[in-house]
């Protein structure tokens, strides 16, 4: 039996956005692995930097899971997080003169996937779905 309610009947644009977000996280993991393999973990913040990065990715996974449960606040939080990350990308690319081409290419790909995911998350189909949950009155 398929349960009733909006959390179980996700629109196609939401499923596409969720897959794009997970692909973006996978690309980020590849970037971190390549950076640590080429430059060494100590030059990238060491264990503290790695733990902070893992905490950030855990928070993104948590937000994606909450969005799957039709939580509008998670979608808004993810938007704020991506705006902050875009600002940090701009800051990082200006502060570090030597970033390998492959790393820049992967970061651009990750950024494009995140933008596409946000476009899918804020389409009318998704807006209707997020607004259809009667227990979702906080945002």
N, C-alpha and C. Protein backbone atom coordinates (compact mmCIF):
# COMPACT_ATOMS: atom_id res chain seq x y z
N UNK A 1 0.84 -1.17 0.00
CA UNK A 1 0.00 0.00 0.00
C UNK A 1 0.88 1.24 0.00
N UNK A 2 0.57 2.18 -0.86
CA UNK A 2 1.31 3.44 -0.93
C UNK A 2 0.63 4.43 0.00
N UNK A 3 1.38 5.00 0.95
CA UNK A 3 0.78 5.96 1.88
C UNK A 3 0.33 7.22 1.15
N UNK A 4 -0.65 7.87 1.72
CA UNK A 4 -1.13 9.12 1.18
C UNK A 4 -0.32 10.27 1.74
N UNK A 5 -0.39 11.39 1.10
CA UNK A 5 0.30 12.57 1.58
C UNK A 5 1.35 13.03 0.59
N UNK A 6 1.69 14.31 0.66
CA UNK A 6 2.61 14.88 -0.31
C UNK A 6 4.04 14.35 -0.21
N UNK A 7 4.45 13.86 0.95
CA UNK A 7 5.82 13.39 1.09
C UNK A 7 6.08 12.13 0.27
N UNK A 8 5.02 11.43 -0.14
CA UNK A 8 5.20 10.19 -0.89
C UNK A 8 4.94 10.35 -2.38
N UNK A 9 4.42 11.48 -2.77
CA UNK A 9 4.11 11.72 -4.17
C UNK A 9 4.91 12.92 -4.65
N UNK A 10 6.18 12.70 -4.89
CA UNK A 10 7.09 13.78 -5.24
C UNK A 10 6.99 14.10 -6.74
N UNK A 11 7.05 15.39 -7.07
CA UNK A 11 7.05 15.76 -8.49
C UNK A 11 8.37 15.40 -9.16
N UNK A 12 8.34 15.27 -10.47
CA UNK A 12 9.55 14.90 -11.20
C UNK A 12 10.64 15.95 -11.08
N UNK A 13 10.26 17.22 -10.99
CA UNK A 13 11.27 18.26 -10.85
C UNK A 13 12.00 18.16 -9.51
N UNK A 14 11.29 17.70 -8.46
CA UNK A 14 11.95 17.51 -7.18
C UNK A 14 12.93 16.34 -7.24
N UNK A 15 12.53 15.27 -7.87
CA UNK A 15 13.41 14.10 -7.99
C UNK A 15 14.66 14.47 -8.79
N UNK A 16 14.48 15.26 -9.85
CA UNK A 16 15.64 15.71 -10.64
C UNK A 16 16.55 16.59 -9.79
N UNK A 17 15.96 17.50 -9.02
CA UNK A 17 16.76 18.37 -8.16
C UNK A 17 17.53 17.58 -7.13
N UNK A 18 16.87 16.59 -6.54
CA UNK A 18 17.53 15.76 -5.52
C UNK A 18 18.71 15.00 -6.13
N UNK A 19 18.52 14.45 -7.32
CA UNK A 19 19.61 13.74 -7.98
C UNK A 19 20.75 14.67 -8.34
N UNK A 20 20.44 15.89 -8.77
CA UNK A 20 21.48 16.87 -9.07
C UNK A 20 22.26 17.25 -7.82
N UNK A 21 21.56 17.38 -6.70
CA UNK A 21 22.24 17.73 -5.45
C UNK A 21 23.18 16.61 -4.99
N UNK A 22 22.73 15.37 -5.13
CA UNK A 22 23.61 14.27 -4.76
C UNK A 22 24.80 14.17 -5.72
N UNK A 23 24.59 14.44 -7.00
CA UNK A 23 25.71 14.46 -7.95
C UNK A 23 26.69 15.56 -7.60
N UNK A 24 26.17 16.70 -7.16
CA UNK A 24 27.02 17.80 -6.74
C UNK A 24 27.88 17.42 -5.53
N UNK A 25 27.27 16.70 -4.59
CA UNK A 25 28.03 16.23 -3.42
C UNK A 25 29.11 15.23 -3.83
N UNK A 26 28.80 14.38 -4.80
CA UNK A 26 29.78 13.41 -5.29
C UNK A 26 30.96 14.13 -5.94
N UNK A 27 30.68 15.14 -6.74
CA UNK A 27 31.76 15.91 -7.37
C UNK A 27 32.60 16.61 -6.30
N UNK A 28 31.95 17.13 -5.27
CA UNK A 28 32.69 17.77 -4.17
C UNK A 28 33.62 16.78 -3.49
N UNK A 29 33.16 15.55 -3.31
CA UNK A 29 34.01 14.53 -2.69
C UNK A 29 35.21 14.23 -3.59
N UNK A 30 35.01 14.20 -4.89
CA UNK A 30 36.11 13.97 -5.82
C UNK A 30 37.12 15.11 -5.74
N UNK A 31 36.63 16.35 -5.67
CA UNK A 31 37.52 17.51 -5.56
C UNK A 31 38.35 17.42 -4.29
N UNK A 32 37.72 17.08 -3.19
CA UNK A 32 38.45 16.98 -1.92
C UNK A 32 39.49 15.87 -1.99
N UNK A 33 39.12 14.73 -2.55
CA UNK A 33 40.07 13.63 -2.67
C UNK A 33 41.26 14.03 -3.55
N UNK A 34 40.99 14.66 -4.69
CA UNK A 34 42.08 15.07 -5.58
C UNK A 34 42.97 16.13 -4.94
N UNK A 35 42.36 17.07 -4.23
CA UNK A 35 43.14 18.12 -3.57
C UNK A 35 44.03 17.52 -2.49
N UNK A 36 43.48 16.62 -1.69
CA UNK A 36 44.29 16.00 -0.64
C UNK A 36 45.36 15.08 -1.21
N UNK A 37 45.07 14.43 -2.34
CA UNK A 37 46.05 13.54 -2.95
C UNK A 37 47.20 14.31 -3.58
N UNK A 38 46.91 15.46 -4.16
CA UNK A 38 47.97 16.21 -4.85
C UNK A 38 48.72 17.16 -3.92
N UNK A 39 48.02 17.83 -3.02
CA UNK A 39 48.66 18.83 -2.18
C UNK A 39 48.96 18.35 -0.77
N UNK A 40 48.35 17.28 -0.40
CA UNK A 40 48.53 16.78 0.96
C UNK A 40 47.44 17.32 1.87
N UNK A 41 47.07 16.52 2.83
CA UNK A 41 45.98 16.90 3.72
C UNK A 41 46.36 18.04 4.65
N UNK A 42 47.63 18.15 5.00
CA UNK A 42 48.07 19.19 5.93
C UNK A 42 47.92 20.58 5.33
N UNK A 43 48.11 20.72 4.02
CA UNK A 43 47.99 22.04 3.39
C UNK A 43 46.53 22.44 3.18
N UNK A 44 45.61 21.53 3.37
CA UNK A 44 44.19 21.83 3.18
C UNK A 44 43.42 21.88 4.49
N UNK A 45 44.10 22.18 5.57
CA UNK A 45 43.43 22.31 6.86
C UNK A 45 43.58 21.11 7.76
N UNK A 46 44.19 20.06 7.28
CA UNK A 46 44.41 18.88 8.10
C UNK A 46 43.12 18.20 8.49
N UNK A 47 43.15 17.57 9.64
CA UNK A 47 42.00 16.81 10.12
C UNK A 47 40.85 17.76 10.44
N UNK A 48 41.16 18.95 10.98
CA UNK A 48 40.10 19.90 11.31
C UNK A 48 39.36 20.35 10.06
N UNK A 49 40.10 20.63 9.00
CA UNK A 49 39.47 21.02 7.74
C UNK A 49 38.61 19.91 7.17
N UNK A 50 39.10 18.69 7.27
CA UNK A 50 38.34 17.55 6.77
C UNK A 50 37.06 17.34 7.59
N UNK A 51 37.15 17.47 8.91
CA UNK A 51 35.97 17.32 9.76
C UNK A 51 34.95 18.43 9.50
N UNK A 52 35.41 19.64 9.29
CA UNK A 52 34.51 20.74 8.98
C UNK A 52 33.81 20.52 7.64
N UNK A 53 34.55 20.02 6.67
CA UNK A 53 33.97 19.71 5.37
C UNK A 53 32.94 18.60 5.48
N UNK A 54 33.26 17.56 6.22
CA UNK A 54 32.31 16.46 6.42
C UNK A 54 31.05 16.93 7.14
N UNK A 55 31.21 17.84 8.09
CA UNK A 55 30.04 18.39 8.79
C UNK A 55 29.16 19.18 7.82
N UNK A 56 29.78 19.93 6.94
CA UNK A 56 29.02 20.68 5.93
C UNK A 56 28.26 19.77 5.00
N UNK A 57 28.90 18.69 4.55
CA UNK A 57 28.22 17.75 3.67
C UNK A 57 27.13 16.97 4.40
N UNK A 58 27.35 16.67 5.66
CA UNK A 58 26.31 16.01 6.45
C UNK A 58 25.09 16.93 6.59
N UNK A 59 25.34 18.23 6.76
CA UNK A 59 24.24 19.18 6.85
C UNK A 59 23.48 19.25 5.52
N UNK A 60 24.19 19.21 4.40
CA UNK A 60 23.52 19.24 3.10
C UNK A 60 22.68 17.97 2.90
N UNK A 61 23.21 16.83 3.28
CA UNK A 61 22.45 15.58 3.16
C UNK A 61 21.22 15.63 4.06
N UNK A 62 21.37 16.17 5.26
CA UNK A 62 20.23 16.32 6.17
C UNK A 62 19.15 17.21 5.54
N UNK A 63 19.56 18.32 4.92
CA UNK A 63 18.59 19.22 4.29
C UNK A 63 17.89 18.55 3.11
N UNK A 64 18.64 17.78 2.33
CA UNK A 64 18.03 17.07 1.21
C UNK A 64 17.01 16.05 1.72
N UNK A 65 17.36 15.34 2.78
CA UNK A 65 16.43 14.36 3.36
C UNK A 65 15.18 15.06 3.90
N UNK A 66 15.35 16.22 4.53
CA UNK A 66 14.20 16.95 5.05
C UNK A 66 13.31 17.48 3.93
N UNK A 67 13.93 17.89 2.82
CA UNK A 67 13.14 18.32 1.67
C UNK A 67 12.33 17.15 1.12
N UNK A 68 12.89 15.95 1.19
CA UNK A 68 12.15 14.77 0.72
C UNK A 68 10.91 14.52 1.56
N UNK A 69 10.92 15.03 2.78
CA UNK A 69 9.75 14.91 3.66
C UNK A 69 8.82 16.11 3.52
N UNK A 70 9.03 16.91 2.46
CA UNK A 70 8.16 18.04 2.12
C UNK A 70 8.30 19.19 3.14
N UNK A 71 9.52 19.44 3.58
CA UNK A 71 9.79 20.53 4.52
C UNK A 71 10.28 21.75 3.74
N UNK A 72 9.46 22.80 3.74
CA UNK A 72 9.82 24.01 3.00
C UNK A 72 11.02 24.72 3.60
N UNK A 73 11.17 24.67 4.91
CA UNK A 73 12.28 25.35 5.56
C UNK A 73 13.62 24.78 5.11
N UNK A 74 13.64 23.50 4.78
CA UNK A 74 14.89 22.88 4.33
C UNK A 74 15.28 23.41 2.95
N UNK A 75 14.30 23.64 2.09
CA UNK A 75 14.57 24.19 0.77
C UNK A 75 15.13 25.61 0.90
N UNK A 76 14.55 26.40 1.78
CA UNK A 76 15.03 27.76 2.00
C UNK A 76 16.43 27.75 2.61
N UNK A 77 16.66 26.87 3.55
CA UNK A 77 17.99 26.76 4.17
C UNK A 77 19.04 26.35 3.15
N UNK A 78 18.68 25.45 2.26
CA UNK A 78 19.61 25.03 1.22
C UNK A 78 19.93 26.18 0.27
N UNK A 79 18.94 27.00 -0.04
CA UNK A 79 19.17 28.17 -0.88
C UNK A 79 20.15 29.13 -0.22
N UNK A 80 19.97 29.40 1.07
CA UNK A 80 20.88 30.28 1.81
C UNK A 80 22.28 29.67 1.85
N UNK A 81 22.37 28.38 2.08
CA UNK A 81 23.66 27.71 2.11
C UNK A 81 24.38 27.82 0.77
N UNK A 82 23.65 27.65 -0.33
CA UNK A 82 24.28 27.75 -1.65
C UNK A 82 24.71 29.16 -1.96
N UNK A 83 23.97 30.16 -1.52
CA UNK A 83 24.39 31.55 -1.73
C UNK A 83 25.68 31.82 -0.95
N UNK A 84 25.76 31.32 0.26
CA UNK A 84 26.99 31.48 1.05
C UNK A 84 28.16 30.74 0.42
N UNK A 85 27.89 29.54 -0.11
CA UNK A 85 28.96 28.77 -0.76
C UNK A 85 29.43 29.45 -2.04
N UNK A 86 28.52 30.05 -2.79
CA UNK A 86 28.91 30.76 -4.01
C UNK A 86 29.80 31.94 -3.67
N UNK A 87 29.48 32.64 -2.59
CA UNK A 87 30.33 33.73 -2.14
C UNK A 87 31.70 33.24 -1.71
N UNK A 88 31.76 32.10 -1.05
CA UNK A 88 33.05 31.57 -0.64
C UNK A 88 33.86 31.10 -1.84
N UNK A 89 33.20 30.57 -2.89
CA UNK A 89 33.91 30.19 -4.11
C UNK A 89 34.59 31.40 -4.73
N UNK A 90 33.84 32.51 -4.79
CA UNK A 90 34.41 33.73 -5.37
C UNK A 90 35.59 34.22 -4.54
N UNK A 91 35.47 34.15 -3.22
CA UNK A 91 36.56 34.56 -2.35
C UNK A 91 37.76 33.64 -2.49
N UNK A 92 37.52 32.33 -2.56
CA UNK A 92 38.62 31.38 -2.66
C UNK A 92 39.36 31.49 -3.99
N UNK A 93 38.65 31.73 -5.07
CA UNK A 93 39.32 31.80 -6.35
C UNK A 93 40.17 33.06 -6.46
N UNK A 94 39.83 34.11 -5.71
CA UNK A 94 40.65 35.31 -5.72
C UNK A 94 41.82 35.22 -4.73
N UNK A 95 41.63 34.47 -3.65
CA UNK A 95 42.69 34.41 -2.65
C UNK A 95 43.77 33.39 -2.98
N UNK A 96 43.44 32.36 -3.73
CA UNK A 96 44.43 31.37 -4.13
C UNK A 96 44.77 31.56 -5.60
N UNK A 97 46.01 31.88 -5.85
CA UNK A 97 46.41 32.14 -7.24
C UNK A 97 46.57 30.85 -8.03
N UNK A 98 46.96 29.77 -7.34
CA UNK A 98 47.23 28.53 -8.05
C UNK A 98 46.20 27.47 -7.68
N UNK A 99 45.18 27.36 -8.50
CA UNK A 99 44.21 26.28 -8.37
C UNK A 99 44.28 25.51 -9.67
N UNK A 100 44.53 24.21 -9.59
CA UNK A 100 44.66 23.43 -10.83
C UNK A 100 43.40 23.53 -11.70
N UNK A 101 43.60 23.39 -13.01
CA UNK A 101 42.51 23.52 -13.96
C UNK A 101 41.40 22.50 -13.70
N UNK A 102 41.78 21.26 -13.42
CA UNK A 102 40.77 20.23 -13.21
C UNK A 102 39.91 20.54 -11.99
N UNK A 103 40.52 21.14 -10.96
CA UNK A 103 39.76 21.49 -9.77
C UNK A 103 38.78 22.62 -10.07
N UNK A 104 39.24 23.61 -10.82
CA UNK A 104 38.34 24.70 -11.21
C UNK A 104 37.18 24.17 -12.06
N UNK A 105 37.50 23.27 -12.98
CA UNK A 105 36.46 22.71 -13.86
C UNK A 105 35.42 21.93 -13.04
N UNK A 106 35.89 21.16 -12.08
CA UNK A 106 34.96 20.41 -11.24
C UNK A 106 34.12 21.33 -10.35
N UNK A 107 34.73 22.39 -9.84
CA UNK A 107 33.98 23.35 -9.03
C UNK A 107 32.92 24.07 -9.86
N UNK A 108 33.26 24.41 -11.10
CA UNK A 108 32.28 25.05 -11.99
C UNK A 108 31.14 24.07 -12.28
N UNK A 109 31.48 22.81 -12.54
CA UNK A 109 30.45 21.80 -12.78
C UNK A 109 29.55 21.64 -11.56
N UNK A 110 30.16 21.62 -10.38
CA UNK A 110 29.39 21.50 -9.15
C UNK A 110 28.46 22.71 -8.99
N UNK A 111 28.96 23.89 -9.26
CA UNK A 111 28.16 25.10 -9.15
C UNK A 111 26.98 25.08 -10.14
N UNK A 112 27.22 24.62 -11.35
CA UNK A 112 26.16 24.53 -12.36
C UNK A 112 25.09 23.53 -11.92
N UNK A 113 25.51 22.40 -11.39
CA UNK A 113 24.54 21.41 -10.90
C UNK A 113 23.69 21.97 -9.77
N UNK A 114 24.31 22.74 -8.88
CA UNK A 114 23.57 23.33 -7.77
C UNK A 114 22.57 24.38 -8.26
N UNK A 115 22.97 25.19 -9.24
CA UNK A 115 22.06 26.18 -9.80
C UNK A 115 20.86 25.49 -10.47
N UNK A 116 21.15 24.45 -11.24
CA UNK A 116 20.06 23.70 -11.89
C UNK A 116 19.13 23.08 -10.85
N UNK A 117 19.70 22.55 -9.78
CA UNK A 117 18.87 21.96 -8.73
C UNK A 117 17.97 23.01 -8.09
N UNK A 118 18.50 24.20 -7.85
CA UNK A 118 17.68 25.25 -7.28
C UNK A 118 16.57 25.68 -8.23
N UNK A 119 16.88 25.72 -9.52
CA UNK A 119 15.85 26.05 -10.51
C UNK A 119 14.73 25.01 -10.46
N UNK A 120 15.11 23.74 -10.40
CA UNK A 120 14.09 22.68 -10.31
C UNK A 120 13.31 22.76 -9.00
N UNK A 121 13.98 23.10 -7.90
CA UNK A 121 13.30 23.16 -6.60
C UNK A 121 12.30 24.30 -6.52
N UNK A 122 12.51 25.35 -7.28
CA UNK A 122 11.61 26.50 -7.21
C UNK A 122 10.69 26.60 -8.43
N UNK A 123 10.53 25.52 -9.16
CA UNK A 123 9.55 25.48 -10.24
C UNK A 123 8.15 25.41 -9.63
N UNK A 124 7.17 25.76 -10.43
CA UNK A 124 5.79 25.79 -9.95
C UNK A 124 5.34 24.42 -9.43
N UNK A 125 5.76 23.37 -10.12
CA UNK A 125 5.41 22.00 -9.72
C UNK A 125 5.88 21.72 -8.29
N UNK A 126 7.10 22.13 -7.98
CA UNK A 126 7.63 21.91 -6.63
C UNK A 126 6.98 22.85 -5.62
N UNK A 127 6.73 24.09 -6.03
CA UNK A 127 6.07 25.02 -5.11
C UNK A 127 4.71 24.50 -4.68
N UNK A 128 3.96 23.97 -5.61
CA UNK A 128 2.65 23.40 -5.29
C UNK A 128 2.81 22.22 -4.34
N UNK A 129 3.82 21.38 -4.61
CA UNK A 129 4.05 20.20 -3.77
C UNK A 129 4.44 20.61 -2.35
N UNK A 130 5.36 21.58 -2.22
CA UNK A 130 5.78 22.02 -0.89
C UNK A 130 4.63 22.68 -0.13
N UNK A 131 3.76 23.38 -0.84
CA UNK A 131 2.64 24.05 -0.18
C UNK A 131 1.48 23.12 0.11
N UNK A 132 1.50 21.89 -0.39
CA UNK A 132 0.37 20.98 -0.22
C UNK A 132 0.37 20.28 1.14
N UNK A 133 1.47 20.32 1.86
CA UNK A 133 1.54 19.62 3.14
C UNK A 133 0.90 20.47 4.23
N UNK A 134 -0.19 20.01 4.85
CA UNK A 134 -0.86 20.82 5.88
C UNK A 134 -0.04 20.96 7.17
N UNK A 135 0.94 20.09 7.40
CA UNK A 135 1.75 20.21 8.61
C UNK A 135 2.95 21.13 8.39
N UNK A 136 3.06 21.69 7.21
CA UNK A 136 4.22 22.51 6.83
C UNK A 136 3.85 23.98 6.93
N UNK A 137 3.48 24.44 8.06
CA UNK A 137 3.02 25.81 8.22
C UNK A 137 4.08 26.74 8.81
N UNK A 138 5.28 26.25 9.09
CA UNK A 138 6.31 27.09 9.68
C UNK A 138 6.96 28.02 8.66
N UNK A 139 6.97 27.65 7.39
CA UNK A 139 7.62 28.53 6.41
C UNK A 139 6.80 28.67 5.16
